[in-house]
Amino acid sequence: MLYRAALGWLLTATLCAATVNAETPRVEMQLYTQGRASATSSRQWIEVLSKAGVASMRFVNSTRRVPIEVKNVGTKDRPSFMVTGIITAQNVLTVPGGRFRLSDRAKIAAWIKSLGEADARAAAGARNNAFGLTTEQFEQARKDLAKPLDFSTQGVAASSVLNSINRLLTSKMAVDPAATSALDPRMKVVEQLQGVSAGAALAIVLRPAGLMFRPRVREGKMEYHITASTPKSQPWPVGWPPQKKPRELVPKLFEFTEYEIEDFELPKVLAALQDSLKVPFVYDQNSMARHKIEIDKIKVTLGSGKTYNNRLLALVLNKAGLKHELRVDEAGKPFCWITTRRR
């Protein structure tokens, strides 16, 4: 039963709260009264709650058990809260996270204010955890960047590969003017990235030139901003940690194989392993250059034996001061990231 005596106060409270708090999230309340609550008590609560910032209130006299809760009935950008609470027979307001008497006006105001602040923190956290994007924007970028490359890249000019990736994507690249000159037109892509996702491939191609990219939204549109990489920058990564176990992702890594390696050139050994494992090898060229590791000049001798492929790959790479780790691209496809043992 809605208290008729409170209707006039209810309209006044709504208008006053809307005027005072026009820039704060709207808060409405449905309050279940227990026992015999008077119309005077309801008017007192309306006065206290409207001054605390509640836009409207509805009082229901009921003895049934109801869940107290706060729901955002608006949007993430424009939140609007519906609070379900109880006024006990002792005239105590019970809401999620608090119990208040009529005299607790400052505490009630602080609790109302905290609703909007908590929602704002959650929204900010969602943006900060994903390159400054909302969850929906991050998912939009991830889905776009998951498109596989349908063209060959090995030995192709990096600038040409970037142009092809840009044509593949729905959202386009935006190159910082200072980064334009960093891409040497003579630089070629070492790896065969056909079939690898556009996001991983883009990060791989940019990295040797000292460049990086991050998705961002400008004027309501998603774009991939290419800039020079700095020690403090947080670029879109070259692949992601896999959620599945390595044995599930690349079963061939755990198959046994016989080997006989005597004074073989390292690139040829790695090419043979890559062909056997049917998984792309991607090289951390920046780290290799920093530690002056030139795999073209390295020969490997292991003798003969039998072991599983994962162990054999580790032994071969160790001869050059390298190691491997399994990563997945935006589509969940695995590849081997080959980097230096020393950082």
Protein backbone atom coordinates (compact mmCIF):
# COMPACT_ATOMS: atom_id res chain seq x y z
CA MET A 1 0.00 0.00 0.00
CA LEU A 2 1.45 3.36 -1.04
CA TYR A 3 1.07 6.01 1.68
CA ARG A 4 -1.26 8.65 0.21
CA ALA A 5 -0.23 11.20 2.85
CA ALA A 6 3.29 11.13 1.47
CA LEU A 7 2.40 11.89 -2.18
CA GLY A 8 2.66 15.67 -1.91
CA TRP A 9 6.02 15.40 -0.17
CA LEU A 10 7.15 12.84 -2.75
CA LEU A 11 6.65 15.25 -5.67
CA THR A 12 8.39 18.08 -3.80
CA ALA A 13 11.33 15.85 -2.88
CA THR A 14 11.73 14.74 -6.49
CA LEU A 15 11.82 18.29 -7.84
CA CYS A 16 14.23 19.57 -5.18
CA ALA A 17 16.66 16.67 -5.57
CA ALA A 18 16.67 17.01 -9.35
CA THR A 19 17.56 20.69 -9.06
CA VAL A 20 20.30 20.31 -6.48
CA ASN A 21 21.92 17.18 -7.95
CA ALA A 22 21.46 17.67 -11.70
CA GLU A 23 25.03 16.52 -12.45
CA THR A 24 25.09 13.49 -10.12
CA PRO A 25 23.61 10.04 -10.80
CA ARG A 26 19.88 9.81 -10.18
CA VAL A 27 18.95 7.75 -7.12
CA GLU A 28 15.47 6.38 -6.48
CA MET A 29 14.29 4.29 -3.54
CA GLN A 30 11.61 1.72 -2.90
CA LEU A 31 11.31 1.32 0.86
CA TYR A 32 9.38 -1.47 2.57
CA THR A 33 8.06 -0.46 5.98
CA GLN A 34 7.70 -3.06 8.71
CA GLY A 35 5.21 -2.80 11.55
CA ARG A 36 2.97 0.24 11.94
CA ALA A 37 4.84 3.19 10.45
CA SER A 38 3.03 6.51 10.59
CA ALA A 39 2.53 9.01 7.79
CA THR A 40 4.56 11.45 9.90
CA SER A 41 7.49 9.03 9.90
CA SER A 42 7.29 8.68 6.12
CA ARG A 43 7.32 12.47 5.66
CA GLN A 44 10.37 12.68 7.92
CA TRP A 45 12.22 10.10 5.82
CA ILE A 46 11.23 11.89 2.62
CA GLU A 47 12.68 15.13 3.97
CA VAL A 48 15.95 13.52 5.10
CA LEU A 49 16.46 11.43 1.96
CA SER A 50 15.58 14.19 -0.51
CA LYS A 51 18.15 16.47 1.12
CA ALA A 52 20.68 13.63 0.89
CA GLY A 53 20.17 13.49 -2.89
CA VAL A 54 17.43 10.88 -3.45
CA ALA A 55 15.30 11.90 -6.43
CA SER A 56 12.15 9.94 -5.55
CA MET A 57 10.87 7.49 -2.95
CA ARG A 58 8.07 4.95 -2.80
CA PHE A 59 6.91 3.47 0.50
CA VAL A 60 5.30 0.04 0.63
CA ASN A 61 3.81 -1.43 3.78
CA SER A 62 4.67 -5.12 3.70
CA THR A 63 5.58 -7.90 6.11
CA ARG A 64 7.14 -10.17 3.49
CA ARG A 65 10.88 -10.62 3.28
CA VAL A 66 12.46 -8.59 0.47
CA PRO A 67 16.10 -8.51 -0.67
CA ILE A 68 17.82 -5.19 -0.07
CA GLU A 69 19.87 -4.21 -3.13
CA VAL A 70 21.23 -1.47 -5.35
CA LYS A 71 20.78 -1.72 -9.12
CA ASN A 72 22.13 0.52 -11.86
CA VAL A 73 19.07 0.92 -14.08
CA GLY A 74 20.84 3.44 -16.31
CA THR A 75 23.96 2.96 -18.40
CA LYS A 76 27.68 2.85 -17.59
CA ASP A 77 28.13 6.37 -18.93
CA ARG A 78 24.95 7.74 -17.30
CA PRO A 79 24.24 5.62 -14.21
CA SER A 80 20.88 5.75 -12.43
CA PHE A 81 20.39 3.76 -9.24
CA MET A 82 17.32 1.99 -7.85
CA VAL A 83 17.75 1.18 -4.16
CA THR A 84 15.51 -1.35 -2.41
CA GLY A 85 15.57 -0.93 1.38
CA ILE A 86 13.63 -1.56 4.54
CA ILE A 87 12.42 0.73 7.32
CA THR A 88 12.15 -1.46 10.40
CA ALA A 89 9.54 -1.30 13.12
CA GLN A 90 12.17 0.65 15.12
CA ASN A 91 12.23 3.28 12.31
CA VAL A 92 15.73 2.28 11.14
CA LEU A 93 16.56 2.51 7.43
CA THR A 94 18.36 -0.64 6.24
CA VAL A 95 20.09 -0.54 2.82
CA PRO A 96 23.08 -2.42 1.34
CA GLY A 97 26.11 -1.36 3.34
CA GLY A 98 24.34 0.64 6.04
CA ARG A 99 21.72 1.08 8.78
CA PHE A 100 20.62 4.63 9.54
CA ARG A 101 18.32 6.54 11.85
CA LEU A 102 16.65 9.85 11.04
CA SER A 103 19.40 11.63 12.95
CA ASP A 104 22.15 10.13 10.76
CA ARG A 105 21.72 12.76 8.03
CA ALA A 106 25.41 13.23 7.25
CA LYS A 107 26.01 9.47 7.10
CA ILE A 108 23.05 8.97 4.78
CA ALA A 109 24.31 11.73 2.46
CA ALA A 110 27.78 10.13 2.40
CA TRP A 111 26.27 6.72 1.58
CA ILE A 112 24.23 8.18 -1.30
CA LYS A 113 27.32 9.93 -2.64
CA SER A 114 29.33 6.69 -2.47
CA LEU A 115 26.98 4.99 -4.95
CA GLY A 116 28.08 7.24 -7.80
CA GLU A 117 31.73 7.19 -6.74
CA ALA A 118 31.85 3.38 -6.69
CA ASP A 119 30.31 3.20 -10.15
CA ALA A 120 32.78 5.78 -11.47
CA ARG A 121 35.73 3.85 -9.98
CA ALA A 122 34.48 0.63 -11.58
CA ALA A 123 34.16 2.32 -14.97
CA ALA A 124 37.61 3.91 -14.64
CA GLY A 125 39.08 0.56 -13.61
CA ALA A 126 37.57 -1.11 -16.67
CA ARG A 127 39.11 1.54 -18.90
CA ASN A 128 42.51 1.54 -17.21
CA ASN A 129 42.78 -2.25 -17.37
CA ALA A 130 42.43 -2.33 -21.15
CA PHE A 131 44.51 0.39 -22.77
CA GLY A 132 42.14 3.12 -21.60
CA LEU A 133 39.20 1.37 -23.29
CA THR A 134 35.90 0.19 -21.91
CA THR A 135 35.27 -3.56 -21.89
CA GLU A 136 33.12 -3.23 -25.01
CA GLN A 137 35.73 -1.15 -26.84
CA PHE A 138 38.51 -3.58 -25.94
CA GLU A 139 36.44 -6.49 -27.23
CA GLN A 140 35.77 -4.56 -30.45
CA ALA A 141 39.52 -4.05 -30.98
CA ARG A 142 40.39 -7.64 -30.06
CA LYS A 143 37.84 -9.04 -32.51
CA ASP A 144 39.12 -6.80 -35.31
CA LEU A 145 42.76 -7.62 -34.57
CA ALA A 146 42.01 -11.36 -34.49
CA LYS A 147 41.62 -11.43 -38.30
CA PRO A 148 44.33 -13.73 -39.77
CA LEU A 149 46.79 -12.48 -42.39
CA ASP A 150 45.87 -13.97 -45.77
CA PHE A 151 49.13 -12.99 -47.48
CA SER A 152 52.82 -13.91 -47.30
CA THR A 153 55.17 -11.70 -45.27
CA GLN A 154 58.59 -13.36 -45.27
CA GLY A 155 61.11 -11.20 -47.14
CA VAL A 156 58.46 -8.56 -47.91
CA ALA A 157 59.10 -4.88 -47.13
CA ALA A 158 57.73 -4.00 -43.70
CA SER A 159 55.95 -0.92 -45.07
CA SER A 160 54.13 -3.09 -47.61
CA VAL A 161 53.09 -5.58 -44.92
CA LEU A 162 51.75 -2.73 -42.76
CA ASN A 163 49.69 -1.41 -45.66
CA SER A 164 48.24 -4.88 -46.25
CA ILE A 165 47.38 -5.25 -42.56
CA ASN A 166 45.70 -1.84 -42.61
CA ARG A 167 43.49 -2.91 -45.53
CA LEU A 168 42.54 -6.06 -43.63
CA LEU A 169 41.35 -4.19 -40.53
CA THR A 170 37.98 -2.51 -40.03
CA SER A 171 39.49 0.20 -37.80
CA LYS A 172 42.49 1.90 -39.36
CA MET A 173 46.01 2.86 -38.30
CA ALA A 174 46.89 6.39 -37.26
CA VAL A 175 50.65 6.98 -37.48
CA ASP A 176 52.26 9.58 -35.24
CA PRO A 177 54.25 12.02 -37.42
CA ALA A 178 57.38 11.42 -35.33
CA ALA A 179 57.13 7.67 -36.01
CA THR A 180 56.86 7.93 -39.80
CA SER A 181 60.60 8.31 -40.40
CA ALA A 182 61.46 5.35 -38.11
CA LEU A 183 60.31 2.77 -40.64
CA ASP A 184 63.18 2.21 -43.06
CA PRO A 185 61.71 1.37 -46.52
CA ARG A 186 64.53 -1.16 -46.97
CA MET A 187 63.56 -3.12 -43.84
CA LYS A 188 62.00 -6.52 -44.60
CA VAL A 189 59.94 -8.85 -42.44
CA VAL A 190 61.96 -11.90 -41.35
CA GLU A 191 59.10 -14.17 -40.31
CA GLN A 192 56.36 -15.85 -42.31
CA LEU A 193 53.28 -14.44 -40.57
CA GLN A 194 50.62 -15.70 -42.96
CA GLY A 195 47.80 -17.08 -40.81
CA VAL A 196 48.87 -15.12 -37.71
CA SER A 197 46.34 -12.60 -36.36
CA ALA A 198 46.60 -8.97 -37.47
CA GLY A 199 47.20 -7.72 -33.91
CA ALA A 200 50.17 -9.99 -33.22
CA ALA A 201 51.55 -9.45 -36.73
CA LEU A 202 51.28 -5.67 -36.42
CA ALA A 203 53.15 -5.71 -33.10
CA ILE A 204 55.81 -8.02 -34.58
CA VAL A 205 56.43 -5.91 -37.68
CA LEU A 206 56.59 -2.61 -35.76
CA ARG A 207 58.90 -3.79 -32.96
CA PRO A 208 62.25 -3.97 -34.85
CA ALA A 209 61.74 -0.35 -35.96
CA GLY A 210 61.32 0.75 -32.33
CA LEU A 211 57.60 1.33 -32.86
CA MET A 212 54.47 0.16 -31.07
CA PHE A 213 50.72 0.55 -31.33
CA ARG A 214 47.77 0.94 -28.99
CA PRO A 215 44.07 0.98 -29.80
CA ARG A 216 42.31 4.23 -28.91
CA VAL A 217 38.99 5.95 -29.57
CA ARG A 218 39.00 9.37 -31.24
CA GLU A 219 35.78 11.23 -32.06
CA GLY A 220 33.81 8.07 -31.39
CA LYS A 221 35.88 5.89 -33.74
CA MET A 222 38.39 3.16 -32.93
CA GLU A 223 41.88 3.50 -34.41
CA TYR A 224 45.31 1.92 -33.91
CA HIS A 225 47.78 4.60 -32.88
CA ILE A 226 51.38 3.88 -33.98
CA THR A 227 54.08 5.70 -32.00
CA ALA A 228 57.72 5.33 -30.99
CA SER A 229 58.22 2.84 -28.17
CA THR A 230 59.58 4.12 -24.83
CA PRO A 231 60.62 2.29 -21.64
CA LYS A 232 57.42 3.43 -19.92
CA SER A 233 55.06 2.75 -22.83
CA GLN A 234 52.54 -0.07 -22.67
CA PRO A 235 52.19 -1.37 -26.24
CA TRP A 236 49.79 -3.92 -27.60
CA PRO A 237 51.73 -7.12 -26.87
CA VAL A 238 53.30 -9.64 -29.20
CA GLY A 239 50.87 -12.39 -28.29
CA TRP A 240 49.21 -13.29 -25.00
CA PRO A 241 49.77 -15.92 -22.29
CA PRO A 242 47.84 -19.06 -23.28
CA GLN A 243 44.89 -20.21 -21.17
CA LYS A 244 45.33 -23.81 -22.28
CA LYS A 245 48.21 -26.07 -21.32
CA PRO A 246 51.08 -26.29 -23.87
CA ARG A 247 50.33 -29.97 -24.46
CA GLU A 248 46.79 -29.05 -25.55
CA LEU A 249 47.90 -26.17 -27.77
CA VAL A 250 50.79 -27.85 -29.57
CA PRO A 251 50.70 -31.62 -28.97
CA LYS A 252 53.68 -32.14 -31.30
CA LEU A 253 55.92 -30.34 -28.80
CA PHE A 254 55.60 -33.42 -26.60
CA GLU A 255 56.14 -36.06 -29.23
CA PHE A 256 59.48 -37.95 -29.15
CA THR A 257 61.86 -37.56 -32.06
CA GLU A 258 65.29 -38.87 -33.00
CA TYR A 259 67.93 -36.31 -33.90
CA GLU A 260 71.46 -36.15 -35.22
CA ILE A 261 72.85 -32.64 -35.31
CA GLU A 262 76.52 -32.13 -36.18
CA ASP A 263 77.72 -28.67 -37.14
CA PHE A 264 74.40 -27.55 -38.62
CA GLU A 265 73.54 -23.91 -39.26
CA LEU A 266 71.09 -22.72 -36.60
CA PRO A 267 68.53 -21.19 -39.02
CA LYS A 268 68.26 -24.53 -40.89
CA VAL A 269 67.74 -26.46 -37.65
CA LEU A 270 65.05 -24.02 -36.52
CA ALA A 271 63.36 -24.12 -39.91
CA ALA A 272 63.21 -27.93 -39.75
CA LEU A 273 61.74 -27.84 -36.22
CA GLN A 274 59.20 -25.19 -37.22
CA ASP A 275 58.11 -27.29 -40.18
CA SER A 276 57.79 -30.38 -37.98
CA LEU A 277 55.82 -28.60 -35.22
CA LYS A 278 53.51 -26.76 -37.66
CA VAL A 279 53.64 -23.64 -35.48
CA PRO A 280 55.12 -20.21 -36.42
CA PHE A 281 58.44 -19.13 -34.87
CA VAL A 282 58.63 -15.42 -34.06
CA TYR A 283 61.96 -13.86 -33.09
CA ASP A 284 62.61 -11.13 -30.55
CA GLN A 285 64.89 -9.24 -32.88
CA ASN A 286 65.26 -6.27 -30.51
CA SER A 287 66.61 -8.37 -27.68
CA MET A 288 68.81 -10.41 -30.03
CA ALA A 289 70.34 -7.23 -31.46
CA ARG A 290 70.89 -5.84 -27.97
CA HIS A 291 72.84 -8.95 -26.97
CA LYS A 292 74.58 -9.17 -30.37
CA ILE A 293 73.16 -12.59 -31.23
CA GLU A 294 73.31 -13.23 -34.98
CA ILE A 295 71.72 -16.61 -35.59
CA ASP A 296 72.90 -16.70 -39.22
CA LYS A 297 76.47 -17.03 -37.94
CA ILE A 298 75.78 -19.78 -35.39
CA LYS A 299 76.25 -23.52 -35.93
CA VAL A 300 74.84 -26.20 -33.64
CA THR A 301 76.25 -29.55 -32.59
CA LEU A 302 74.23 -31.84 -30.30
CA GLY A 303 75.30 -35.29 -31.45
CA SER A 304 72.57 -37.89 -31.77
CA GLY A 305 69.82 -39.00 -29.46
CA LYS A 306 66.09 -39.13 -28.84
CA THR A 307 63.95 -36.70 -26.88
CA TYR A 308 60.67 -34.87 -27.15
CA ASN A 309 60.47 -31.85 -29.45
CA ASN A 310 60.04 -29.27 -26.70
CA ARG A 311 63.29 -30.39 -25.08
CA LEU A 312 65.10 -30.55 -28.43
CA LEU A 313 64.05 -26.99 -29.28
CA ALA A 314 65.27 -25.80 -25.87
CA LEU A 315 68.65 -27.52 -26.37
CA VAL A 316 69.11 -26.01 -29.83
CA LEU A 317 68.21 -22.49 -28.71
CA ASN A 318 70.38 -22.72 -25.61
CA LYS A 319 73.44 -23.07 -27.85
CA ALA A 320 72.77 -19.49 -29.03
CA GLY A 321 71.78 -18.06 -25.65
CA LEU A 322 68.11 -18.17 -26.62
CA LYS A 323 64.92 -19.66 -25.20
CA HIS A 324 61.32 -20.12 -26.33
CA GLU A 325 57.90 -19.63 -24.83
CA LEU A 326 54.47 -20.45 -26.14
CA ARG A 327 52.10 -17.54 -26.80
CA VAL A 328 48.75 -17.18 -28.56
CA ASP A 329 47.55 -14.47 -30.92
CA GLU A 330 44.21 -12.64 -30.68
CA ALA A 331 42.44 -15.57 -32.37
CA GLY A 332 43.91 -18.05 -29.87
CA LYS A 333 46.36 -19.51 -32.40
CA PRO A 334 49.71 -20.55 -30.83
CA PHE A 335 53.20 -19.48 -31.88
CA CYS A 336 56.70 -19.82 -30.41
CA TRP A 337 58.22 -16.56 -29.16
CA ILE A 338 62.01 -16.92 -29.34
CA THR A 339 63.95 -14.47 -27.21
CA THR A 340 67.25 -14.19 -25.35
CA ARG A 341 67.94 -15.95 -22.09
CA ARG A 342 69.33 -12.72 -20.68
CA ARG A 343 67.10 -9.66 -20.42
